[in-house]
Amino acid sequence: MAATLRIQSDWSRALSRDEGEAWLSCRSPGKPTLYGSVTRRGLSSDGVPDIVASEGFVVGEVTKKSILISCPHENVSTKFLAPYTSFCRIHQKSVSSLVSTDGTMKIWQAANGEIRRLLEGHVYDVNCCRFFPSGLVVLSGGMDAQLKIWSAEDASCAVTFKGHKGGILDTAIVDRGRNVVSCSRDGSARLWDCGKSACLGVLADCGCPINGIAAGTADGSLNLGTPEKPPSEREVGTEGKILLLAREDKKLQGVGLQSRQPVFLFVGSDAFNCCTFLSSTYILAGTQDGNIYQLDVRNTNAPIQVIHRSGAPVLALLPYRDGFIASQGN
């Protein structure tokens, strides 16, 4: 298992002034953690900070928004990126998935943090939210077991779906958004018709919380199964798609979105928190104990690779260019 480099969370602010200092650590399983620091000595002629590291660490390339740190003893290096913008005091309580534990959602201007809309209507925590492809409509799910559709233009709630018996933990939008999918602590994943505000069916009932879902186009060679009965005419864009279920019982499951039939079942090292598609063939899933599994949906008997940078829970995964971005609980 590779060593992990860590840096003080607000390192860019700490190093924004001369003699500013931020802590470092390098942790390798089974060995004592190595601690150190980086210090700013000044600015170069082109305005880039002059940064030096304490014994055991080496500073590589430095820009105004990034710093490359190495620990030669463990043969590990990491590039740390500073945020381009930070939004402070948007919510009064903790923020998760761009929503809050105060039961509200706030839409703000990315350029300056100005709050544009306040979306109120959920009771208790709002667990998840996402924009529809149009960018003008928001889908949200909360601990009140309600799924809501909002206008981002006037903050009105156009639709509320009810049917889950436990808090909603994640959502997915099918194609352009005539249908959406939700998963819940009640162990079910449901398909909804936005136009009729109705549930089109239960896609899976796992008997344990489903922490995350992702819907995507399946590889053409994959057998997605056949529906037991003809799909409703209100069901749009589900053909040829697979739904991934990140389950609390350490299982990652694939289900035919139209057929409702199981496609694969993979057992991991701990509860799965999140999942995503890299392509129609390759998928990712993250667990509570810090593992990121890459799988080929055509053969899930063994993972292509398992990435482990720390033991912190993997909370979110997002495809990005030729790779992905992972968010962990540390």
Protein backbone atom coordinates (compact mmCIF):
# COMPACT_ATOMS: atom_id res chain seq x y z
CA MET A 1 0.00 0.00 0.00
CA ALA A 2 1.44 3.37 -1.06
CA ALA A 3 2.36 6.07 1.39
CA THR A 4 0.06 9.08 1.68
CA LEU A 5 1.16 12.71 1.74
CA ARG A 6 -1.05 15.24 3.49
CA ILE A 7 -0.88 19.00 3.89
CA GLN A 8 -2.65 21.54 6.09
CA SER A 9 -6.12 22.14 4.60
CA ASP A 10 -5.70 25.92 4.32
CA TRP A 11 -2.09 25.74 3.13
CA SER A 12 -2.61 28.28 0.33
CA ARG A 13 -3.79 30.89 2.83
CA ALA A 14 -1.02 30.04 5.31
CA LEU A 15 1.61 30.46 2.59
CA SER A 16 0.15 33.70 1.23
CA ARG A 17 2.52 35.76 3.41
CA ASP A 18 6.29 35.70 3.97
CA GLU A 19 7.41 33.29 6.70
CA GLY A 20 3.99 31.63 6.51
CA GLU A 21 4.09 27.94 7.43
CA ALA A 22 1.89 24.87 6.82
CA TRP A 23 2.29 21.37 8.22
CA LEU A 24 3.00 18.22 6.20
CA SER A 25 2.81 14.52 6.98
CA CYS A 26 3.71 11.30 5.20
CA ARG A 27 2.03 8.15 6.44
CA SER A 28 2.98 4.66 5.32
CA PRO A 29 1.12 1.63 6.76
CA GLY A 30 3.11 -0.12 9.45
CA LYS A 31 5.63 2.70 9.81
CA PRO A 32 5.83 5.82 12.01
CA THR A 33 4.28 8.90 10.39
CA LEU A 34 6.82 11.46 9.20
CA TYR A 35 5.91 15.05 10.06
CA GLY A 36 7.29 18.27 8.62
CA SER A 37 6.36 21.67 7.25
CA VAL A 38 6.69 24.02 4.29
CA THR A 39 7.62 27.69 4.70
CA ARG A 40 7.38 30.64 2.35
CA ARG A 41 10.57 32.69 2.10
CA GLY A 42 9.34 35.28 -0.34
CA LEU A 43 8.32 35.80 -3.97
CA SER A 44 10.21 35.20 -7.18
CA SER A 45 10.47 37.89 -9.84
CA ASP A 46 7.40 36.52 -11.63
CA GLY A 47 5.27 36.50 -8.48
CA VAL A 48 5.50 32.78 -7.66
CA PRO A 49 6.02 31.95 -3.95
CA ASP A 50 9.46 30.68 -2.93
CA ILE A 51 8.65 27.65 -0.79
CA VAL A 52 11.03 25.38 1.11
CA ALA A 53 10.32 22.16 3.02
CA SER A 54 11.68 20.80 6.26
CA GLU A 55 13.94 17.76 6.43
CA GLY A 56 12.51 14.64 4.80
CA PHE A 57 10.39 16.52 2.26
CA VAL A 58 11.17 18.20 -1.08
CA VAL A 59 9.29 21.00 -2.82
CA GLY A 60 9.03 20.55 -6.58
CA GLU A 61 7.11 22.74 -9.02
CA VAL A 62 5.32 25.70 -7.44
CA THR A 63 2.73 27.91 -9.14
CA LYS A 64 0.39 30.54 -7.75
CA LYS A 65 -2.28 27.85 -7.28
CA SER A 66 -0.42 24.57 -6.80
CA ILE A 67 2.54 22.97 -5.09
CA LEU A 68 4.27 19.63 -5.70
CA ILE A 69 5.59 17.91 -2.55
CA SER A 70 7.73 14.77 -2.42
CA CYS A 71 8.92 12.46 0.32
CA PRO A 72 12.00 10.73 -1.13
CA HIS A 73 12.26 8.24 1.73
CA GLU A 74 8.85 6.76 0.78
CA ASN A 75 9.21 7.48 -2.95
CA VAL A 76 5.91 9.35 -3.07
CA SER A 77 4.91 12.76 -4.43
CA THR A 78 1.62 14.65 -4.54
CA LYS A 79 0.48 17.80 -6.30
CA PHE A 80 -1.79 19.91 -4.10
CA LEU A 81 -4.19 22.38 -5.72
CA ALA A 82 -5.45 25.54 -4.02
CA PRO A 83 -9.11 26.56 -4.41
CA TYR A 84 -9.75 29.31 -6.93
CA THR A 85 -12.77 30.54 -4.99
CA SER A 86 -14.02 29.86 -1.46
CA PHE A 87 -17.61 30.50 -0.38
CA CYS A 88 -17.94 31.37 3.29
CA ARG A 89 -21.06 31.85 5.42
CA ILE A 90 -23.38 30.53 2.68
CA HIS A 91 -25.07 28.19 5.20
CA GLN A 92 -25.21 28.43 8.97
CA LYS A 93 -24.73 24.67 9.43
CA SER A 94 -22.63 21.98 7.77
CA VAL A 95 -22.74 21.64 3.99
CA SER A 96 -22.99 18.31 2.16
CA SER A 97 -23.38 17.85 -1.62
CA LEU A 98 -23.85 21.61 -2.06
CA VAL A 99 -26.85 21.40 0.26
CA SER A 100 -27.21 21.78 4.01
CA THR A 101 -28.26 20.19 7.27
CA ASP A 102 -30.49 23.19 7.93
CA GLY A 103 -33.09 21.88 5.46
CA THR A 104 -32.44 24.51 2.79
CA MET A 105 -30.64 24.73 -0.54
CA LYS A 106 -29.04 27.90 -1.78
CA ILE A 107 -28.08 28.76 -5.33
CA TRP A 108 -25.25 31.23 -5.56
CA GLN A 109 -23.21 33.00 -8.20
CA ALA A 110 -19.99 31.07 -8.69
CA ALA A 111 -18.00 34.20 -9.49
CA ASN A 112 -18.62 36.06 -6.24
CA GLY A 113 -20.64 33.86 -3.85
CA GLU A 114 -23.75 36.04 -4.07
CA ILE A 115 -26.85 34.08 -3.03
CA ARG A 116 -29.35 34.13 -5.91
CA ARG A 117 -32.09 31.76 -4.72
CA LEU A 118 -33.16 30.12 -1.45
CA LEU A 119 -34.95 26.77 -1.88
CA GLU A 120 -37.02 25.92 1.20
CA GLY A 121 -39.42 23.01 1.65
CA HIS A 122 -37.56 19.95 2.90
CA VAL A 123 -37.90 18.92 6.54
CA TYR A 124 -34.59 17.95 8.20
CA ASP A 125 -31.38 17.41 6.22
CA VAL A 126 -31.15 17.70 2.44
CA ASN A 127 -28.87 14.85 1.40
CA CYS A 128 -28.40 15.34 -2.33
CA CYS A 129 -29.15 17.65 -5.21
CA ARG A 130 -28.29 18.02 -8.88
CA PHE A 131 -29.19 20.21 -11.83
CA PHE A 132 -31.20 18.85 -14.74
CA PRO A 133 -29.39 19.05 -18.11
CA SER A 134 -31.14 22.37 -18.84
CA GLY A 135 -29.38 24.01 -15.88
CA LEU A 136 -32.66 25.68 -14.93
CA VAL A 137 -34.21 22.95 -12.78
CA VAL A 138 -32.92 21.26 -9.60
CA LEU A 139 -33.66 17.78 -8.25
CA SER A 140 -33.22 17.21 -4.50
CA GLY A 141 -33.71 14.43 -1.96
CA GLY A 142 -33.87 14.65 1.81
CA MET A 143 -34.12 12.79 5.09
CA ASP A 144 -37.86 13.55 4.98
CA ALA A 145 -38.14 10.80 2.29
CA GLN A 146 -39.25 13.41 -0.23
CA LEU A 147 -37.89 13.99 -3.72
CA LYS A 148 -38.46 17.52 -5.03
CA ILE A 149 -38.09 19.38 -8.32
CA TRP A 150 -37.36 23.11 -8.14
CA SER A 151 -37.13 26.04 -10.51
CA ALA A 152 -33.69 27.63 -10.24
CA GLU A 153 -35.17 30.80 -11.76
CA ASP A 154 -37.84 31.61 -9.15
CA ALA A 155 -37.14 29.03 -6.37
CA SER A 156 -40.60 27.47 -6.66
CA CYS A 157 -41.11 23.75 -6.00
CA ALA A 158 -42.95 22.34 -9.00
CA VAL A 159 -43.15 18.67 -8.00
CA THR A 160 -42.85 16.59 -4.83
CA PHE A 161 -42.54 12.81 -5.07
CA LYS A 162 -43.54 10.65 -2.12
CA GLY A 163 -43.20 6.89 -1.80
CA HIS A 164 -39.92 6.11 -0.06
CA LYS A 165 -40.10 4.99 3.57
CA GLY A 166 -36.67 6.33 4.52
CA GLY A 167 -34.39 9.25 3.75
CA ILE A 168 -33.34 9.67 0.13
CA LEU A 169 -29.57 9.34 -0.26
CA ASP A 170 -28.91 9.90 -3.98
CA THR A 171 -30.56 10.62 -7.32
CA ALA A 172 -29.91 10.15 -11.02
CA ILE A 173 -31.45 11.82 -14.06
CA VAL A 174 -32.33 9.71 -17.09
CA ASP A 175 -31.43 11.39 -20.41
CA ARG A 176 -32.97 14.87 -20.55
CA GLY A 177 -34.98 14.42 -17.39
CA ARG A 178 -38.48 13.16 -18.17
CA ASN A 179 -37.66 10.33 -15.76
CA VAL A 180 -35.48 10.40 -12.64
CA VAL A 181 -34.23 7.74 -10.23
CA SER A 182 -33.84 7.89 -6.45
CA CYS A 183 -32.39 5.58 -3.81
CA SER A 184 -33.10 5.49 -0.12
CA ARG A 185 -32.25 4.23 3.33
CA ASP A 186 -35.33 2.00 2.92
CA GLY A 187 -33.29 -0.19 0.55
CA SER A 188 -35.17 0.63 -2.64
CA ALA A 189 -34.39 2.42 -5.89
CA ARG A 190 -37.38 3.96 -7.67
CA LEU A 191 -38.07 5.33 -11.15
CA TRP A 192 -40.24 8.45 -11.32
CA ASP A 193 -42.24 10.22 -14.03
CA CYS A 194 -41.66 13.95 -13.66
CA GLY A 195 -44.61 14.99 -15.83
CA LYS A 196 -47.19 12.96 -13.89
CA SER A 197 -45.48 13.18 -10.48
CA ALA A 198 -45.79 9.41 -10.21
CA CYS A 199 -43.64 6.39 -9.40
CA LEU A 200 -43.18 4.16 -12.44
CA GLY A 201 -41.81 1.28 -10.44
CA VAL A 202 -39.35 -0.08 -7.94
CA LEU A 203 -36.10 -0.87 -9.77
CA ALA A 204 -34.48 -2.74 -6.89
CA ASP A 205 -35.25 -3.66 -3.29
CA CYS A 206 -31.99 -4.59 -1.57
CA GLY A 207 -33.00 -4.95 2.06
CA CYS A 208 -30.29 -2.48 3.10
CA PRO A 209 -29.65 1.23 2.50
CA ILE A 210 -28.56 2.19 -1.02
CA ASN A 211 -26.03 4.97 -0.49
CA GLY A 212 -25.41 6.01 -4.08
CA ILE A 213 -26.59 5.36 -7.65
CA ALA A 214 -25.50 6.13 -11.20
CA ALA A 215 -27.33 5.56 -14.49
CA GLY A 216 -25.44 5.16 -17.76
CA THR A 217 -25.42 3.57 -21.19
CA ALA A 218 -24.29 -0.04 -21.06
CA ASP A 219 -21.81 -1.73 -23.36
CA GLY A 220 -23.67 -3.30 -26.28
CA SER A 221 -22.38 -6.79 -25.47
CA LEU A 222 -23.88 -6.74 -21.97
CA ASN A 223 -27.08 -8.72 -21.38
CA LEU A 224 -29.41 -6.39 -19.49
CA GLY A 225 -32.29 -8.84 -19.29
CA THR A 226 -35.89 -8.61 -20.49
CA PRO A 227 -38.70 -6.75 -18.71
CA GLU A 228 -41.33 -9.02 -17.12
CA LYS A 229 -44.00 -6.72 -18.55
CA PRO A 230 -43.97 -4.01 -21.26
CA PRO A 231 -42.59 -0.68 -19.99
CA SER A 232 -45.01 2.19 -19.43
CA GLU A 233 -45.33 4.69 -22.26
CA ARG A 234 -44.28 7.26 -19.67
CA GLU A 235 -40.89 5.54 -19.31
CA VAL A 236 -38.44 7.41 -21.55
CA GLY A 237 -34.75 6.76 -22.22
CA THR A 238 -34.29 3.66 -20.06
CA GLU A 239 -33.57 1.19 -22.87
CA GLY A 240 -29.95 0.07 -23.10
CA LYS A 241 -29.04 1.61 -19.74
CA ILE A 242 -27.73 0.12 -16.54
CA LEU A 243 -28.24 1.41 -12.99
CA LEU A 244 -25.42 1.06 -10.49
CA LEU A 245 -26.31 0.63 -6.81
CA ALA A 246 -23.73 1.37 -4.10
CA ARG A 247 -25.08 -0.64 -1.19
CA GLU A 248 -24.47 -0.52 2.56
CA ASP A 249 -23.97 -4.30 2.73
CA LYS A 250 -20.60 -4.09 0.92
CA LYS A 251 -22.14 -4.87 -2.47
CA LEU A 252 -22.06 -3.00 -5.76
CA GLN A 253 -24.95 -4.08 -7.96
CA GLY A 254 -25.83 -3.50 -11.60
CA VAL A 255 -29.49 -3.56 -12.66
CA GLY A 256 -31.03 -3.16 -16.11
CA LEU A 257 -32.79 0.20 -15.93
CA GLN A 258 -35.64 -0.92 -18.19
CA SER A 259 -35.67 -4.65 -17.40
CA ARG A 260 -35.29 -4.29 -13.60
CA GLN A 261 -33.21 -7.48 -13.86
CA PRO A 262 -29.90 -7.97 -12.00
CA VAL A 263 -26.84 -7.75 -14.26
CA PHE A 264 -23.96 -8.23 -11.81
CA LEU A 265 -23.17 -8.24 -8.09
CA PHE A 266 -19.70 -7.39 -6.79
CA VAL A 267 -18.65 -7.72 -3.14
CA GLY A 268 -16.18 -5.15 -1.81
CA SER A 269 -14.23 -4.60 1.39
CA ASP A 270 -16.76 -2.33 3.13
CA ALA A 271 -19.98 -0.42 2.54
CA PHE A 272 -20.11 1.23 -0.88
CA ASN A 273 -20.83 4.96 -0.65
CA CYS A 274 -20.74 6.11 -4.28
CA CYS A 275 -20.35 4.99 -7.88
CA THR A 276 -19.97 6.45 -11.35
CA PHE A 277 -19.33 5.58 -15.00
CA LEU A 278 -16.02 6.24 -16.71
CA SER A 279 -17.44 4.85 -19.98
CA SER A 280 -20.02 2.32 -21.15
CA THR A 281 -17.52 -0.37 -20.13
CA TYR A 282 -15.65 0.91 -17.08
CA ILE A 283 -17.10 1.98 -13.74
CA LEU A 284 -15.80 3.22 -10.38
CA ALA A 285 -17.10 2.69 -6.87
CA GLY A 286 -15.84 3.95 -3.51
CA THR A 287 -16.10 2.34 -0.08
CA GLN A 288 -16.27 3.41 3.55
CA ASP A 289 -12.75 2.10 4.22
CA GLY A 290 -11.13 4.20 1.49
CA ASN A 291 -10.96 1.80 -1.45
CA ILE A 292 -11.80 2.88 -5.00
CA TYR A 293 -12.63 -0.06 -7.24
CA GLN A 294 -12.37 0.13 -11.02
CA LEU A 295 -14.43 -2.57 -12.72
CA ASP A 296 -15.26 -3.74 -16.23
CA VAL A 297 -19.05 -4.27 -16.37
CA ARG A 298 -18.53 -7.16 -18.81
CA ASN A 299 -16.61 -9.12 -16.18
CA THR A 300 -16.91 -8.08 -12.54
CA ASN A 301 -15.38 -11.22 -11.05
CA ALA A 302 -12.24 -9.24 -10.17
CA PRO A 303 -11.52 -5.49 -10.23
CA ILE A 304 -9.19 -3.99 -12.84
CA GLN A 305 -7.53 -2.12 -10.00
CA VAL A 306 -8.11 -1.04 -6.40
CA ILE A 307 -6.87 2.43 -5.47
CA HIS A 308 -6.23 3.18 -1.80
CA ARG A 309 -4.73 6.52 -0.76
CA SER A 310 -6.04 6.62 2.81
CA GLY A 311 -8.47 4.86 5.09
CA ALA A 312 -10.92 7.77 4.96
CA PRO A 313 -14.35 7.07 3.43
CA VAL A 314 -14.71 7.72 -0.29
CA LEU A 315 -17.71 10.06 -0.44
CA ALA A 316 -17.96 11.09 -4.10
CA LEU A 317 -16.51 10.18 -7.50
CA LEU A 318 -16.61 12.29 -10.65
CA PRO A 319 -15.21 11.46 -14.11
CA TYR A 320 -12.80 14.14 -15.27
CA ARG A 321 -10.99 14.16 -18.63
CA ASP A 322 -9.05 10.89 -18.83
CA GLY A 323 -9.34 10.19 -15.12
CA PHE A 324 -11.56 11.06 -12.19
CA ILE A 325 -11.86 13.20 -9.07
CA ALA A 326 -12.43 11.54 -5.70
CA SER A 327 -13.61 13.17 -2.48
CA GLN A 328 -12.73 11.52 0.83
CA GLY A 329 -13.75 12.13 4.42
CA ASN A 330 -10.35 13.42 5.51
